[in-house]
């Protein structure tokens, strides 16, 4: 699998386009093999993609974690 920054951005964008409720940081690490989702989201924003961040609490076997949920607002890129 190509794991370049560009490929990771493409996977995130495709996932967000299909999932209207967005994706959390943990979901992107687990499902999309993106280890630094926040960095890739920042890059997408710089390319003109409108993505909002909602903070949620995620429960894991080790406890509660504050986690970003990213939701796509616009599919437009420059």
PDB file of N, CA and C in Angstrom:
ATOM      1  N   UNK A   1       0.843  -1.172   0.000  1.00  0.00           N
ATOM      2  CA  UNK A   1       0.000   0.000   0.000  1.00  0.00           C
ATOM      3  C   UNK A   1       0.891   1.238   0.000  1.00  0.00           C
ATOM      4  N   UNK A   2       0.550   2.196  -0.843  1.00  0.00           N
ATOM      5  CA  UNK A   2       1.255   3.468  -0.868  1.00  0.00           C
ATOM      6  C   UNK A   2       0.859   4.257   0.376  1.00  0.00           C
ATOM      7  N   UNK A   3       1.839   4.651   1.175  1.00  0.00           N
ATOM      8  CA  UNK A   3       1.538   5.357   2.410  1.00  0.00           C
ATOM      9  C   UNK A   3       2.150   6.756   2.418  1.00  0.00           C
ATOM     10  N   UNK A   4       2.292   7.322   1.208  1.00  0.00           N
ATOM     11  CA  UNK A   4       2.791   8.689   1.103  1.00  0.00           C
ATOM     12  C   UNK A   4       1.754   9.650   1.687  1.00  0.00           C
ATOM     13  N   UNK A   5       2.181  10.863   1.977  1.00  0.00           N
ATOM     14  CA  UNK A   5       1.254  11.872   2.489  1.00  0.00           C
ATOM     15  C   UNK A   5       0.089  12.084   1.544  1.00  0.00           C
ATOM     16  N   UNK A   6       0.367  12.118   0.243  1.00  0.00           N
ATOM     17  CA  UNK A   6      -0.688  12.316  -0.748  1.00  0.00           C
ATOM     18  C   UNK A   6      -1.686  11.169  -0.710  1.00  0.00           C
ATOM     19  N   UNK A   7      -1.194   9.961  -0.637  1.00  0.00           N
ATOM     20  CA  UNK A   7      -2.074   8.797  -0.579  1.00  0.00           C
ATOM     21  C   UNK A   7      -2.922   8.811   0.693  1.00  0.00           C
ATOM     22  N   UNK A   8      -2.314   9.190   1.818  1.00  0.00           N
ATOM     23  CA  UNK A   8      -3.065   9.275   3.067  1.00  0.00           C
ATOM     24  C   UNK A   8      -4.160  10.339   2.970  1.00  0.00           C
ATOM     25  N   UNK A   9      -3.832  11.493   2.371  1.00  0.00           N
ATOM     26  CA  UNK A   9      -4.852  12.537   2.199  1.00  0.00           C
ATOM     27  C   UNK A   9      -5.996  12.047   1.325  1.00  0.00           C
ATOM     28  N   UNK A  10      -5.676  11.322   0.271  1.00  0.00           N
ATOM     29  CA  UNK A  10      -6.711  10.789  -0.617  1.00  0.00           C
ATOM     30  C   UNK A  10      -7.607   9.800   0.123  1.00  0.00           C
ATOM     31  N   UNK A  11      -7.023   8.933   0.939  1.00  0.00           N
ATOM     32  CA  UNK A  11      -7.822   7.967   1.704  1.00  0.00           C
ATOM     33  C   UNK A  11      -8.732   8.682   2.699  1.00  0.00           C
ATOM     34  N   UNK A  12      -8.186   9.682   3.384  1.00  0.00           N
ATOM     35  CA  UNK A  12      -9.004  10.431   4.344  1.00  0.00           C
ATOM     36  C   UNK A  12     -10.144  11.128   3.638  1.00  0.00           C
ATOM     37  N   UNK A  13      -9.862  11.822   2.551  1.00  0.00           N
ATOM     38  CA  UNK A  13     -10.897  12.561   1.835  1.00  0.00           C
ATOM     39  C   UNK A  13     -11.989  11.617   1.333  1.00  0.00           C
ATOM     40  N   UNK A  14     -11.610  10.498   0.750  1.00  0.00           N
ATOM     41  CA  UNK A  14     -12.598   9.524   0.262  1.00  0.00           C
ATOM     42  C   UNK A  14     -13.449   9.004   1.417  1.00  0.00           C
ATOM     43  N   UNK A  15     -12.823   8.729   2.552  1.00  0.00           N
ATOM     44  CA  UNK A  15     -13.547   8.227   3.728  1.00  0.00           C
ATOM     45  C   UNK A  15     -14.530   9.273   4.241  1.00  0.00           C
ATOM     46  N   UNK A  16     -14.081  10.528   4.326  1.00  0.00           N
ATOM     47  CA  UNK A  16     -14.964  11.588   4.817  1.00  0.00           C
ATOM     48  C   UNK A  16     -16.113  11.852   3.852  1.00  0.00           C
ATOM     49  N   UNK A  17     -15.872  11.704   2.563  1.00  0.00           N
ATOM     50  CA  UNK A  17     -16.940  11.889   1.577  1.00  0.00           C
ATOM     51  C   UNK A  17     -18.017  10.816   1.712  1.00  0.00           C
ATOM     52  N   UNK A  18     -17.634   9.623   2.119  1.00  0.00           N
ATOM     53  CA  UNK A  18     -18.578   8.510   2.266  1.00  0.00           C
ATOM     54  C   UNK A  18     -19.273   8.499   3.626  1.00  0.00           C
ATOM     55  N   UNK A  19     -18.662   9.127   4.626  1.00  0.00           N
ATOM     56  CA  UNK A  19     -19.175   9.071   5.996  1.00  0.00           C
ATOM     57  C   UNK A  19     -19.555  10.458   6.471  1.00  0.00           C
ATOM     58  N   UNK A  20     -20.835  10.775   6.388  1.00  0.00           N
ATOM     59  CA  UNK A  20     -21.294  12.118   6.725  1.00  0.00           C
ATOM     60  C   UNK A  20     -21.054  12.490   8.188  1.00  0.00           C
ATOM     61  N   UNK A  21     -20.865  11.507   9.048  1.00  0.00           N
ATOM     62  CA  UNK A  21     -20.595  11.783  10.457  1.00  0.00           C
ATOM     63  C   UNK A  21     -19.108  11.946  10.726  1.00  0.00           C
ATOM     64  N   UNK A  22     -18.298  11.837   9.695  1.00  0.00           N
ATOM     65  CA  UNK A  22     -16.870  12.050   9.829  1.00  0.00           C
ATOM     66  C   UNK A  22     -16.130  10.855  10.384  1.00  0.00           C
ATOM     67  N   UNK A  23     -14.951  11.141  10.915  1.00  0.00           N
ATOM     68  CA  UNK A  23     -14.096  10.078  11.455  1.00  0.00           C
ATOM     69  C   UNK A  23     -13.242  10.651  12.574  1.00  0.00           C
ATOM     70  N   UNK A  24     -13.021   9.828  13.589  1.00  0.00           N
ATOM     71  CA  UNK A  24     -12.155  10.253  14.687  1.00  0.00           C
ATOM     72  C   UNK A  24     -10.704   9.942  14.334  1.00  0.00           C
ATOM     73  N   UNK A  25      -9.823  10.542  15.101  1.00  0.00           N
ATOM     74  CA  UNK A  25      -8.402  10.268  14.949  1.00  0.00           C
ATOM     75  C   UNK A  25      -8.129   8.776  15.083  1.00  0.00           C
ATOM     76  N   UNK A  26      -8.712   8.152  16.094  1.00  0.00           N
ATOM     77  CA  UNK A  26      -8.479   6.717  16.306  1.00  0.00           C
ATOM     78  C   UNK A  26      -9.004   5.880  15.139  1.00  0.00           C
ATOM     79  N   UNK A  27     -10.158   6.246  14.568  1.00  0.00           N
ATOM     80  CA  UNK A  27     -10.702   5.517  13.414  1.00  0.00           C
ATOM     81  C   UNK A  27      -9.758   5.618  12.214  1.00  0.00           C
ATOM     82  N   UNK A  28      -9.195   6.804  12.008  1.00  0.00           N
ATOM     83  CA  UNK A  28      -8.296   6.971  10.863  1.00  0.00           C
ATOM     84  C   UNK A  28      -7.000   6.189  11.046  1.00  0.00           C
ATOM     85  N   UNK A  29      -6.504   6.118  12.271  1.00  0.00           N
ATOM     86  CA  UNK A  29      -5.304   5.323  12.530  1.00  0.00           C
ATOM     87  C   UNK A  29      -5.605   3.856  12.258  1.00  0.00           C
ATOM     88  N   UNK A  30      -6.707   3.376  12.801  1.00  0.00           N
ATOM     89  CA  UNK A  30      -7.054   1.961  12.701  1.00  0.00           C
ATOM     90  C   UNK A  30      -7.521   1.551  11.302  1.00  0.00           C
ATOM     91  N   UNK A  31      -8.428   2.315  10.711  1.00  0.00           N
ATOM     92  CA  UNK A  31      -9.073   1.914   9.454  1.00  0.00           C
ATOM     93  C   UNK A  31      -8.346   2.369   8.192  1.00  0.00           C
ATOM     94  N   UNK A  32      -7.597   3.482   8.295  1.00  0.00           N
ATOM     95  CA  UNK A  32      -6.983   4.053   7.091  1.00  0.00           C
ATOM     96  C   UNK A  32      -5.459   3.987   7.113  1.00  0.00           C
ATOM     97  N   UNK A  33      -4.879   3.480   8.199  1.00  0.00           N
ATOM     98  CA  UNK A  33      -3.423   3.385   8.331  1.00  0.00           C
ATOM     99  C   UNK A  33      -2.751   4.754   8.209  1.00  0.00           C
ATOM    100  N   UNK A  34      -3.373   5.756   8.842  1.00  0.00           N
ATOM    101  CA  UNK A  34      -2.824   7.113   8.883  1.00  0.00           C
ATOM    102  C   UNK A  34      -2.394   7.368  10.325  1.00  0.00           C
ATOM    103  N   UNK A  35      -1.094   7.455  10.568  1.00  0.00           N
ATOM    104  CA  UNK A  35      -0.602   7.573  11.934  1.00  0.00           C
ATOM    105  C   UNK A  35      -0.684   8.976  12.496  1.00  0.00           C
ATOM    106  N   UNK A  36      -0.719   9.997  11.644  1.00  0.00           N
ATOM    107  CA  UNK A  36      -0.838  11.380  12.103  1.00  0.00           C
ATOM    108  C   UNK A  36      -1.987  12.068  11.381  1.00  0.00           C
ATOM    109  N   UNK A  37      -3.222  11.677  11.683  1.00  0.00           N
ATOM    110  CA  UNK A  37      -4.377  12.241  10.975  1.00  0.00           C
ATOM    111  C   UNK A  37      -4.468  13.757  11.068  1.00  0.00           C
ATOM    112  N   UNK A  38      -4.120  14.329  12.209  1.00  0.00           N
ATOM    113  CA  UNK A  38      -4.201  15.779  12.359  1.00  0.00           C
ATOM    114  C   UNK A  38      -3.335  16.521  11.346  1.00  0.00           C
ATOM    115  N   UNK A  39      -2.162  15.985  11.079  1.00  0.00           N
ATOM    116  CA  UNK A  39      -1.266  16.598  10.093  1.00  0.00           C
ATOM    117  C   UNK A  39      -1.871  16.525   8.694  1.00  0.00           C
ATOM    118  N   UNK A  40      -2.432  15.361   8.354  1.00  0.00           N
ATOM    119  CA  UNK A  40      -3.043  15.216   7.033  1.00  0.00           C
ATOM    120  C   UNK A  40      -4.283  16.103   6.893  1.00  0.00           C
ATOM    121  N   UNK A  41      -5.068  16.250   7.959  1.00  0.00           N
ATOM    122  CA  UNK A  41      -6.241  17.135   7.939  1.00  0.00           C
ATOM    123  C   UNK A  41      -5.788  18.566   7.718  1.00  0.00           C
ATOM    124  N   UNK A  42      -4.727  18.977   8.388  1.00  0.00           N
ATOM    125  CA  UNK A  42      -4.184  20.326   8.215  1.00  0.00           C
ATOM    126  C   UNK A  42      -3.772  20.561   6.764  1.00  0.00           C
ATOM    127  N   UNK A  43      -3.140  19.579   6.161  1.00  0.00           N
ATOM    128  CA  UNK A  43      -2.731  19.695   4.756  1.00  0.00           C
ATOM    129  C   UNK A  43      -3.940  19.799   3.844  1.00  0.00           C
ATOM    130  N   UNK A  44      -4.979  19.009   4.109  1.00  0.00           N
ATOM    131  CA  UNK A  44      -6.196  19.096   3.303  1.00  0.00           C
ATOM    132  C   UNK A  44      -6.831  20.480   3.427  1.00  0.00           C
ATOM    133  N   UNK A  45      -6.844  21.020   4.635  1.00  0.00           N
ATOM    134  CA  UNK A  45      -7.390  22.366   4.829  1.00  0.00           C
ATOM    135  C   UNK A  45      -6.610  23.401   4.026  1.00  0.00           C
ATOM    136  N   UNK A  46      -5.295  23.269   3.998  1.00  0.00           N
ATOM    137  CA  UNK A  46      -4.462  24.196   3.218  1.00  0.00           C
ATOM    138  C   UNK A  46      -4.745  24.081   1.728  1.00  0.00           C
ATOM    139  N   UNK A  47      -5.241  22.923   1.298  1.00  0.00           N
ATOM    140  CA  UNK A  47      -5.616  22.711  -0.107  1.00  0.00           C
ATOM    141  C   UNK A  47      -7.032  23.206  -0.403  1.00  0.00           C
ATOM    142  N   UNK A  48      -7.720  23.738   0.613  1.00  0.00           N
ATOM    143  CA  UNK A  48      -9.041  24.310   0.409  1.00  0.00           C
ATOM    144  C   UNK A  48     -10.205  23.435   0.810  1.00  0.00           C
ATOM    145  N   UNK A  49      -9.935  22.271   1.381  1.00  0.00           N
ATOM    146  CA  UNK A  49     -11.012  21.383   1.811  1.00  0.00           C
ATOM    147  C   UNK A  49     -11.532  21.874   3.161  1.00  0.00           C
ATOM    148  N   UNK A  50     -12.833  22.078   3.244  1.00  0.00           N
ATOM    149  CA  UNK A  50     -13.427  22.554   4.492  1.00  0.00           C
ATOM    150  C   UNK A  50     -13.771  21.372   5.390  1.00  0.00           C
ATOM    151  N   UNK A  51     -13.057  21.285   6.487  1.00  0.00           N
ATOM    152  CA  UNK A  51     -13.240  20.214   7.460  1.00  0.00           C
ATOM    153  C   UNK A  51     -13.343  20.860   8.831  1.00  0.00           C
ATOM    154  N   UNK A  52     -14.374  20.489   9.579  1.00  0.00           N
ATOM    155  CA  UNK A  52     -14.519  21.007  10.938  1.00  0.00           C
ATOM    156  C   UNK A  52     -14.111  19.924  11.929  1.00  0.00           C
ATOM    157  N   UNK A  53     -13.718  20.378  13.114  1.00  0.00           N
ATOM    158  CA  UNK A  53     -13.312  19.478  14.176  1.00  0.00           C
ATOM    159  C   UNK A  53     -14.313  19.553  15.307  1.00  0.00           C
ATOM    160  N   UNK A  54     -14.813  18.399  15.722  1.00  0.00           N
ATOM    161  CA  UNK A  54     -15.664  18.286  16.906  1.00  0.00           C
ATOM    162  C   UNK A  54     -14.893  17.437  17.908  1.00  0.00           C
ATOM    163  N   UNK A  55     -14.862  17.880  19.155  1.00  0.00           N
ATOM    164  CA  UNK A  55     -14.158  17.117  20.183  1.00  0.00           C
ATOM    165  C   UNK A  55     -15.134  16.171  20.865  1.00  0.00           C
ATOM    166  N   UNK A  56     -14.745  14.908  20.944  1.00  0.00           N
ATOM    167  CA  UNK A  56     -15.586  13.872  21.532  1.00  0.00           C
ATOM    168  C   UNK A  56     -14.771  13.073  22.544  1.00  0.00           C
ATOM    169  N   UNK A  57     -15.470  12.387  23.419  1.00  0.00           N
ATOM    170  CA  UNK A  57     -14.824  11.481  24.357  1.00  0.00           C
ATOM    171  C   UNK A  57     -14.954  10.063  23.812  1.00  0.00           C
ATOM    172  N   UNK A  58     -13.835   9.376  23.705  1.00  0.00           N
ATOM    173  CA  UNK A  58     -13.796   8.006  23.211  1.00  0.00           C
ATOM    174  C   UNK A  58     -13.364   7.113  24.368  1.00  0.00           C
ATOM    175  N   UNK A  59     -14.078   6.014  24.541  1.00  0.00           N
ATOM    176  CA  UNK A  59     -13.744   5.060  25.604  1.00  0.00           C
ATOM    177  C   UNK A  59     -12.991   3.883  25.003  1.00  0.00           C
ATOM    178  N   UNK A  60     -11.849   3.566  25.580  1.00  0.00           N
ATOM    179  CA  UNK A  60     -11.086   2.395  25.165  1.00  0.00           C
ATOM    180  C   UNK A  60     -10.888   1.503  26.391  1.00  0.00           C
ATOM    181  N   UNK A  61     -10.239   0.390  26.194  1.00  0.00           N
ATOM    182  CA  UNK A  61      -9.996  -0.515  27.321  1.00  0.00           C
ATOM    183  C   UNK A  61      -9.075   0.112  28.374  1.00  0.00           C
ATOM    184  N   UNK A  62      -8.411   1.221  28.024  1.00  0.00           N
ATOM    185  CA  UNK A  62      -7.526   1.894  28.981  1.00  0.00           C
ATOM    186  C   UNK A  62      -8.149   3.143  29.602  1.00  0.00           C
ATOM    187  N   UNK A  63      -9.348   3.493  29.176  1.00  0.00           N
ATOM    188  CA  UNK A  63     -10.005   4.657  29.769  1.00  0.00           C
ATOM    189  C   UNK A  63     -10.591   5.605  28.750  1.00  0.00           C
ATOM    190  N   UNK A  64     -10.859   6.823  29.225  1.00  0.00           N
ATOM    191  CA  UNK A  64     -11.466   7.862  28.394  1.00  0.00           C
ATOM    192  C   UNK A  64     -10.390   8.721  27.736  1.00  0.00           C
ATOM    193  N   UNK A  65     -10.657   9.105  26.482  1.00  0.00           N
ATOM    194  CA  UNK A  65      -9.720   9.942  25.744  1.00  0.00           C
ATOM    195  C   UNK A  65     -10.486  11.023  24.999  1.00  0.00           C
ATOM    196  N   UNK A  66      -9.986  12.247  25.056  1.00  0.00           N
ATOM    197  CA  UNK A  66     -10.533  13.333  24.233  1.00  0.00           C
ATOM    198  C   UNK A  66      -9.982  13.122  22.834  1.00  0.00           C
ATOM    199  N   UNK A  67     -10.871  13.101  21.850  1.00  0.00           N
ATOM    200  CA  UNK A  67     -10.485  12.723  20.500  1.00  0.00           C
ATOM    201  C   UNK A  67     -11.148  13.655  19.503  1.00  0.00           C
ATOM    202  N   UNK A  68     -10.443  13.990  18.446  1.00  0.00           N
ATOM    203  CA  UNK A  68     -11.007  14.831  17.391  1.00  0.00           C
ATOM    204  C   UNK A  68     -11.861  13.980  16.459  1.00  0.00           C
ATOM    205  N   UNK A  69     -13.037  14.497  16.105  1.00  0.00           N
ATOM    206  CA  UNK A  69     -13.852  13.920  15.039  1.00  0.00           C
ATOM    207  C   UNK A  69     -13.881  14.948  13.927  1.00  0.00           C
ATOM    208  N   UNK A  70     -13.390  14.560  12.764  1.00  0.00           N
ATOM    209  CA  UNK A  70     -13.315  15.455  11.621  1.00  0.00           C
ATOM    210  C   UNK A  70     -14.505  15.199  10.695  1.00  0.00           C
ATOM    211  N   UNK A  71     -15.157  16.287  10.294  1.00  0.00           N
ATOM    212  CA  UNK A  71     -16.327  16.191   9.434  1.00  0.00           C
ATOM    213  C   UNK A  71     -16.105  17.082   8.219  1.00  0.00           C
ATOM    214  N   UNK A  72     -16.349  16.524   7.040  1.00  0.00           N
ATOM    215  CA  UNK A  72     -16.190  17.244   5.788  1.00  0.00           C
ATOM    216  C   UNK A  72     -17.370  18.181   5.576  1.00  0.00           C
ATOM    217  N   UNK A  73     -17.070  19.448   5.287  1.00  0.00           N
ATOM    218  CA  UNK A  73     -18.106  20.431   4.995  1.00  0.00           C
ATOM    219  C   UNK A  73     -18.164  20.681   3.491  1.00  0.00           C
ATOM    220  N   UNK A  74     -17.001  20.738   2.866  1.00  0.00           N
ATOM    221  CA  UNK A  74     -16.916  21.038   1.439  1.00  0.00           C
ATOM    222  C   UNK A  74     -16.012  20.039   0.757  1.00  0.00           C
ATOM    223  N   UNK A  75     -16.383  19.642  -0.442  1.00  0.00           N
ATOM    224  CA  UNK A  75     -15.568  18.706  -1.220  1.00  0.00           C
ATOM    225  C   UNK A  75     -14.646  19.427  -2.194  1.00  0.00           C
ATOM    226  N   UNK A  76     -14.632  20.748  -2.161  1.00  0.00           N
ATOM    227  CA  UNK A  76     -13.855  21.546  -3.098  1.00  0.00           C
ATOM    228  C   UNK A  76     -12.391  21.607  -2.698  1.00  0.00           C
ATOM    229  N   UNK A  77     -11.512  21.422  -3.663  1.00  0.00           N
ATOM    230  CA  UNK A  77     -10.079  21.623  -3.442  1.00  0.00           C
ATOM    231  C   UNK A  77      -9.564  22.587  -4.487  1.00  0.00           C
ATOM    232  N   UNK A  78      -8.471  23.261  -4.177  1.00  0.00           N
ATOM    233  CA  UNK A  78      -7.858  24.200  -5.138  1.00  0.00           C
ATOM    234  C   UNK A  78      -6.966  23.454  -6.102  1.00  0.00           C
TER     235      UNK A  78
END
